[in-house]
C-alpha cells in the first residue's frame, strides 16, 4: 500500500484553494512532479458539502450562533474561535485589516462562546449580524486567510478524531476510511463520532468473543456503515415523542416512524444516512493511500 505523510501547506494547499474556488486544479505541478496531499483531498471532499471558504450561516440555532468556512465551524461549539485564531496567526495584519479595529473583541467573543454563550455582542451587534457576517465573508475570500482555515481543518479535532476512530475500529487509515470518519465528525460533531466509534468497536469486540452477532466477514465499508447508522440512530424513533419532550416540534412523522428535524427543515436521520453513503461512494477518497499522523 502506498504511504504519503501529512505534509505542509505549500503547493498542495494552493491546489485545494484554487479547486474550491471553481478552477480545475486537482494538484499543482512543479516541473514534471505532481504535488498531492491526501489530507487536503479529504478536507476538500467534506468542504464541498459544507460550503466554500466564505460560506457563512447566521444564527444556525439558539445555542450555535454563526457558522463559517469550509467546515462550517460553529460559534456555540467553540470551533469558530479555533478557526479564527488559526486565521489570525496566519497573518495578524490581514486579519485586523479585514475585521477592523474591533478584531480582538470579535476573536474574544468567538473563543468565549465555547459553552453556548453566543449572545454577546461586538460594537452592539451579535456575530451573526451585520457588519460581522460580511466581514466573515471577506475573511473567507482572502487567499492568506484561507490557509488559516486549512490549518484549522487539518490540525483540528475533527481530523484527530477521525484518525483515532480508524485505529479504534482496527481499520487501515486510508483516505477512504479517514475521509468517511472525518466527514462524520464534521457533520455530527467530534464527540458524536467518538461515541459512535466506541459503540461499534464494542460490538465488534463482542462478535469476536461470540457475545454478539453483527454478521460474518465484515469489510471496512460494513464497519463504516455501522458507524454512520449509529450516528443517525438518535434522530429516528418508532413512536411520537411526548409534547413535553419536544417543545419546539422538531420531531415529525415520516412514513411509519418519526424523525428529528433541524430548524431549517433538514431531516437529520435521512440526511446523516444520505451524506454518509455519498461519502462512502466518493471515488476521490482513494483506498490505496494511507494518511499518516
Protein backbone atom coordinates (compact mmCIF):
# COMPACT_ATOMS: atom_id res chain seq x y z
CA UNK A 1 0.00 0.00 0.00
CA UNK A 2 1.34 3.43 -0.92
CA UNK A 3 2.01 5.75 2.00
CA UNK A 4 2.01 9.57 1.88
CA UNK A 5 2.84 11.51 5.03
CA UNK A 6 0.87 14.59 6.02
CA UNK A 7 2.87 17.48 4.50
CA UNK A 8 2.82 21.23 4.95
CA UNK A 9 0.53 23.55 3.03
CA UNK A 10 2.78 24.65 0.14
CA UNK A 11 1.59 24.00 -3.35
CA UNK A 12 -0.91 21.33 -2.34
CA UNK A 13 -2.77 23.88 -0.20
CA UNK A 14 -2.83 26.21 -3.18
CA UNK A 15 -4.33 23.37 -5.22
CA UNK A 16 -7.17 22.98 -2.72
CA UNK A 17 -7.84 26.71 -2.70
CA UNK A 18 -7.99 27.03 -6.48
CA UNK A 19 -10.11 23.89 -6.81
CA UNK A 20 -12.67 25.01 -4.22
CA UNK A 21 -12.89 28.40 -5.90
CA UNK A 22 -14.11 26.63 -9.02
CA UNK A 23 -10.90 26.23 -11.01
CA UNK A 24 -9.82 22.78 -12.13
CA UNK A 25 -6.62 22.04 -10.22
CA UNK A 26 -6.57 18.60 -8.56
CA UNK A 27 -2.85 19.03 -7.99
CA UNK A 28 -0.16 21.60 -8.68
CA UNK A 29 2.78 20.79 -10.91
CA UNK A 30 6.39 21.75 -10.17
CA UNK A 31 8.30 20.76 -13.29
CA UNK A 32 7.17 17.23 -14.01
CA UNK A 33 6.35 16.35 -10.39
CA UNK A 34 2.74 16.37 -9.22
CA UNK A 35 2.22 17.62 -5.68
CA UNK A 36 -0.65 15.96 -3.83
CA UNK A 37 -1.75 15.66 -0.20
CA UNK A 38 -4.36 13.13 0.94
CA UNK A 39 -5.39 15.23 3.94
CA UNK A 40 -6.18 18.21 1.73
CA UNK A 41 -8.20 15.95 -0.55
CA UNK A 42 -10.19 14.75 2.47
CA UNK A 43 -10.81 18.34 3.58
CA UNK A 44 -11.88 19.24 0.04
CA UNK A 45 -14.38 16.38 -0.12
CA UNK A 46 -16.09 17.48 3.09
CA UNK A 47 -15.66 21.18 2.35
CA UNK A 48 -17.65 20.89 -0.88
CA UNK A 49 -20.58 19.55 1.14
CA UNK A 50 -20.32 22.18 3.86
CA UNK A 51 -19.70 25.25 1.73
CA UNK A 52 -16.84 27.36 0.43
CA UNK A 53 -14.19 29.25 2.36
CA UNK A 54 -16.51 32.26 2.58
CA UNK A 55 -19.72 30.38 3.47
CA UNK A 56 -21.50 31.99 6.44
CA UNK A 57 -24.76 30.94 8.08
CA UNK A 58 -26.16 33.27 10.71
CA UNK A 59 -27.78 32.04 13.91
CA UNK A 60 -27.97 28.38 12.85
CA UNK A 61 -29.51 27.54 16.22
CA UNK A 62 -30.30 29.22 19.52
CA UNK A 63 -27.13 27.75 21.02
CA UNK A 64 -24.87 27.63 17.96
CA UNK A 65 -24.75 31.23 16.73
CA UNK A 66 -22.93 31.77 13.44
CA UNK A 67 -21.20 29.05 11.41
CA UNK A 68 -18.41 29.85 8.99
CA UNK A 69 -16.00 28.46 6.44
CA UNK A 70 -15.22 25.25 4.56
CA UNK A 71 -16.19 23.11 7.56
CA UNK A 72 -18.91 25.43 8.90
CA UNK A 73 -17.20 25.85 12.26
CA UNK A 74 -19.93 26.83 14.76
CA UNK A 75 -19.74 29.57 17.34
CA UNK A 76 -21.51 27.71 20.15
CA UNK A 77 -19.15 24.73 19.99
CA UNK A 78 -16.11 26.98 20.34
CA UNK A 79 -14.85 25.85 16.94
CA UNK A 80 -15.42 29.28 15.38
CA UNK A 81 -12.93 30.68 17.89
CA UNK A 82 -10.40 28.00 16.95
CA UNK A 83 -10.56 28.71 13.21
CA UNK A 84 -10.42 32.48 13.74
CA UNK A 85 -7.34 32.03 15.93
CA UNK A 86 -5.71 29.99 13.15
CA UNK A 87 -6.54 32.66 10.59
CA UNK A 88 -5.23 35.45 12.82
CA UNK A 89 -2.00 33.52 13.39
CA UNK A 90 -1.53 33.11 9.64
CA UNK A 91 -1.42 36.89 9.12
CA UNK A 92 -2.26 39.20 12.04
CA UNK A 93 -2.13 42.26 9.80
CA UNK A 94 -4.58 40.97 7.17
CA UNK A 95 -6.91 39.61 9.87
CA UNK A 96 -7.00 43.02 11.61
CA UNK A 97 -7.36 44.90 8.33
CA UNK A 98 -10.44 42.90 7.31
CA UNK A 99 -12.21 42.83 10.69
CA UNK A 100 -11.25 46.38 11.63
CA UNK A 101 -10.42 47.96 15.00
CA UNK A 102 -12.63 45.51 16.92
CA UNK A 103 -10.86 42.40 15.63
CA UNK A 104 -9.60 41.42 19.09
CA UNK A 105 -13.11 41.72 20.54
CA UNK A 106 -14.51 39.51 17.78
CA UNK A 107 -11.85 36.92 18.49
CA UNK A 108 -12.53 37.03 22.24
CA UNK A 109 -16.30 36.66 21.82
CA UNK A 110 -15.81 33.73 19.42
CA UNK A 111 -13.42 31.98 21.82
CA UNK A 112 -15.64 32.67 24.83
CA UNK A 113 -18.69 31.21 23.02
CA UNK A 114 -17.49 27.66 23.68
CA UNK A 115 -20.14 26.99 26.32
CA UNK A 116 -23.04 28.04 24.05
CA UNK A 117 -22.68 31.68 25.11
CA UNK A 118 -23.48 33.14 21.69
CA UNK A 119 -25.47 36.22 22.67
CA UNK A 120 -22.57 38.54 23.39
CA UNK A 121 -22.09 41.46 21.02
CA UNK A 122 -19.22 43.38 19.46
CA UNK A 123 -19.93 47.04 18.76
CA UNK A 124 -23.56 46.33 19.64
CA UNK A 125 -24.03 43.51 17.12
CA UNK A 126 -24.04 39.72 17.53
CA UNK A 127 -21.60 37.80 15.37
CA UNK A 128 -24.40 36.56 13.11
CA UNK A 129 -25.48 40.14 12.36
CA UNK A 130 -24.01 42.80 10.10
CA UNK A 131 -21.35 44.02 9.78
CA UNK A 132 -19.78 40.77 11.02
CA UNK A 133 -21.44 38.47 8.51
CA UNK A 134 -19.99 40.48 5.63
CA UNK A 135 -16.59 40.70 7.31
CA UNK A 136 -16.50 36.91 7.79
CA UNK A 137 -17.20 36.53 4.07
CA UNK A 138 -14.29 38.86 3.29
CA UNK A 139 -12.05 36.78 5.55
CA UNK A 140 -13.08 33.66 3.65
CA UNK A 141 -12.38 35.27 0.28
CA UNK A 142 -8.81 36.21 1.19
CA UNK A 143 -6.25 33.63 0.00
CA UNK A 144 -3.98 34.06 3.01
CA UNK A 145 -6.87 33.68 5.42
CA UNK A 146 -7.92 30.53 3.58
CA UNK A 147 -4.60 29.00 4.63
CA UNK A 148 -5.70 29.56 8.23
CA UNK A 149 -8.87 27.59 7.58
CA UNK A 150 -6.86 24.75 6.07
CA UNK A 151 -4.57 24.77 9.11
CA UNK A 152 -7.55 24.53 11.48
CA UNK A 153 -9.09 21.74 9.41
CA UNK A 154 -6.00 19.56 9.12
CA UNK A 155 -4.72 20.05 12.67
CA UNK A 156 -8.06 20.25 14.46
CA UNK A 157 -10.23 17.95 16.49
CA UNK A 158 -12.20 16.57 13.52
CA UNK A 159 -9.09 15.12 11.86
CA UNK A 160 -7.66 13.89 15.16
CA UNK A 161 -10.89 12.09 16.00
CA UNK A 162 -11.10 10.55 12.51
CA UNK A 163 -7.58 9.14 12.83
CA UNK A 164 -8.27 7.92 16.36
CA UNK A 165 -11.51 6.34 15.16
CA UNK A 166 -9.79 4.40 12.40
CA UNK A 167 -7.33 2.99 14.93
CA UNK A 168 -10.09 2.15 17.43
CA UNK A 169 -12.06 0.30 14.75
CA UNK A 170 -8.98 -1.64 13.63
CA UNK A 171 -9.12 -0.17 10.11
CA UNK A 172 -6.23 0.94 7.94
CA UNK A 173 -6.12 4.77 7.97
CA UNK A 174 -6.60 5.16 4.23
CA UNK A 175 -8.05 8.25 2.61
CA UNK A 176 -11.31 6.34 2.27
CA UNK A 177 -11.60 5.37 5.93
CA UNK A 178 -10.31 8.63 7.39
CA UNK A 179 -12.32 10.65 4.87
CA UNK A 180 -15.61 9.00 5.87
CA UNK A 181 -14.87 9.39 9.59
CA UNK A 182 -13.71 12.98 9.14
CA UNK A 183 -16.92 13.87 7.31
CA UNK A 184 -18.96 12.28 10.10
CA UNK A 185 -17.01 14.23 12.74
CA UNK A 186 -17.70 17.49 10.93
CA UNK A 187 -21.43 16.84 10.50
CA UNK A 188 -22.20 15.04 13.77
CA UNK A 189 -19.51 16.54 15.99
CA UNK A 190 -16.25 15.00 17.15
CA UNK A 191 -17.85 13.80 20.38
CA UNK A 192 -20.68 12.24 18.38
CA UNK A 193 -18.18 10.36 16.23
CA UNK A 194 -16.20 9.31 19.29
CA UNK A 195 -19.29 7.82 20.96
CA UNK A 196 -20.39 6.03 17.78
CA UNK A 197 -16.93 4.55 17.26
CA UNK A 198 -16.81 3.37 20.87
CA UNK A 199 -20.19 1.64 20.48
CA UNK A 200 -19.30 -0.01 17.17
CA UNK A 201 -15.86 -1.16 18.37
CA UNK A 202 -17.53 -2.70 21.42
CA UNK A 203 -19.98 -4.57 19.19
CA UNK A 204 -17.13 -5.81 17.03
CA UNK A 205 -15.25 -6.99 20.11
CA UNK A 206 -18.34 -8.83 21.33
CA UNK A 207 -18.63 -10.51 17.94
CA UNK A 208 -15.01 -11.67 18.20
CA UNK A 209 -15.77 -13.27 21.56
CA UNK A 210 -19.10 -14.71 20.41
CA UNK A 211 -21.14 -12.39 22.67
CA UNK A 212 -22.87 -10.66 19.76
CA UNK A 213 -23.65 -11.42 16.13
CA UNK A 214 -23.19 -8.46 13.79
CA UNK A 215 -22.75 -10.61 10.70
CA UNK A 216 -19.76 -12.54 9.46
CA UNK A 217 -16.86 -11.26 7.33
CA UNK A 218 -17.42 -7.54 7.67
CA UNK A 219 -15.35 -5.41 5.31
CA UNK A 220 -14.32 -1.83 6.04
CA UNK A 221 -17.40 -0.35 4.37
CA UNK A 222 -19.62 -2.54 6.53
CA UNK A 223 -17.88 -1.22 9.64
CA UNK A 224 -18.05 2.40 8.46
CA UNK A 225 -21.73 1.94 7.65
CA UNK A 226 -22.29 0.71 11.21
CA UNK A 227 -20.77 3.99 12.45
CA UNK A 228 -23.00 6.03 10.14
CA UNK A 229 -26.11 4.17 11.27
CA UNK A 230 -25.13 4.60 14.92
CA UNK A 231 -24.76 8.35 14.37
CA UNK A 232 -28.19 8.51 12.70
CA UNK A 233 -29.96 6.46 15.39
CA UNK A 234 -30.76 9.34 17.80
CA UNK A 235 -32.72 11.07 15.04
CA UNK A 236 -35.26 8.27 14.49
CA UNK A 237 -37.90 6.74 16.74
CA UNK A 238 -40.89 4.45 16.24
CA UNK A 239 -43.41 6.49 18.25
CA UNK A 240 -44.28 10.14 18.61
CA UNK A 241 -42.49 11.94 21.46
CA UNK A 242 -44.48 13.32 24.36
CA UNK A 243 -45.23 17.05 23.86
CA UNK A 244 -43.08 18.00 26.85
CA UNK A 245 -40.15 16.14 25.27
CA UNK A 246 -40.47 18.08 22.01
CA UNK A 247 -41.42 21.67 22.91
CA UNK A 248 -40.05 23.05 19.63
CA UNK A 249 -41.85 20.50 17.45
CA UNK A 250 -38.65 19.17 15.90
CA UNK A 251 -39.93 15.58 15.61
CA UNK A 252 -42.11 14.90 12.57
CA UNK A 253 -43.75 11.77 11.25
CA UNK A 254 -42.07 10.26 8.19
CA UNK A 255 -43.95 7.23 6.93
CA UNK A 256 -44.47 4.90 9.89
CA UNK A 257 -41.72 6.41 12.04
CA UNK A 258 -40.66 9.75 13.49
CA UNK A 259 -37.56 11.72 12.50
CA UNK A 260 -35.93 14.70 14.14
CA UNK A 261 -35.58 17.82 12.01
CA UNK A 262 -33.14 20.70 12.13
CA UNK A 263 -34.61 24.17 12.47
CA UNK A 264 -34.06 24.78 8.74
CA UNK A 265 -36.24 21.79 7.84
CA UNK A 266 -33.49 19.20 7.33
CA UNK A 267 -34.44 15.60 8.20
CA UNK A 268 -31.43 14.75 10.39
CA UNK A 269 -31.84 10.98 10.17
CA UNK A 270 -32.24 10.89 6.39
CA UNK A 271 -29.52 13.47 5.84
CA UNK A 272 -27.00 11.61 8.03
CA UNK A 273 -27.59 8.35 6.14
CA UNK A 274 -27.63 10.05 2.73
CA UNK A 275 -24.43 12.01 3.22
CA UNK A 276 -22.69 9.05 4.81
CA UNK A 277 -23.49 6.87 1.80
CA UNK A 278 -22.33 9.59 -0.59
CA UNK A 279 -19.00 9.81 1.23
CA UNK A 280 -18.63 6.02 1.18
CA UNK A 281 -19.12 6.12 -2.60
CA UNK A 282 -16.77 9.07 -3.20
CA UNK A 283 -14.15 7.77 -5.60
CA UNK A 284 -11.85 10.73 -4.86
CA UNK A 285 -11.15 9.23 -1.42
CA UNK A 286 -8.65 6.66 -2.69
CA UNK A 287 -8.43 3.35 -0.87
CA UNK A 288 -4.74 2.73 -1.63
CA UNK A 289 -3.32 5.86 0.05
CA UNK A 290 -2.57 5.91 3.76
CA UNK A 291 -2.97 9.01 5.89
CA UNK A 292 -0.12 9.26 8.38
CA UNK A 293 -0.45 11.29 11.56
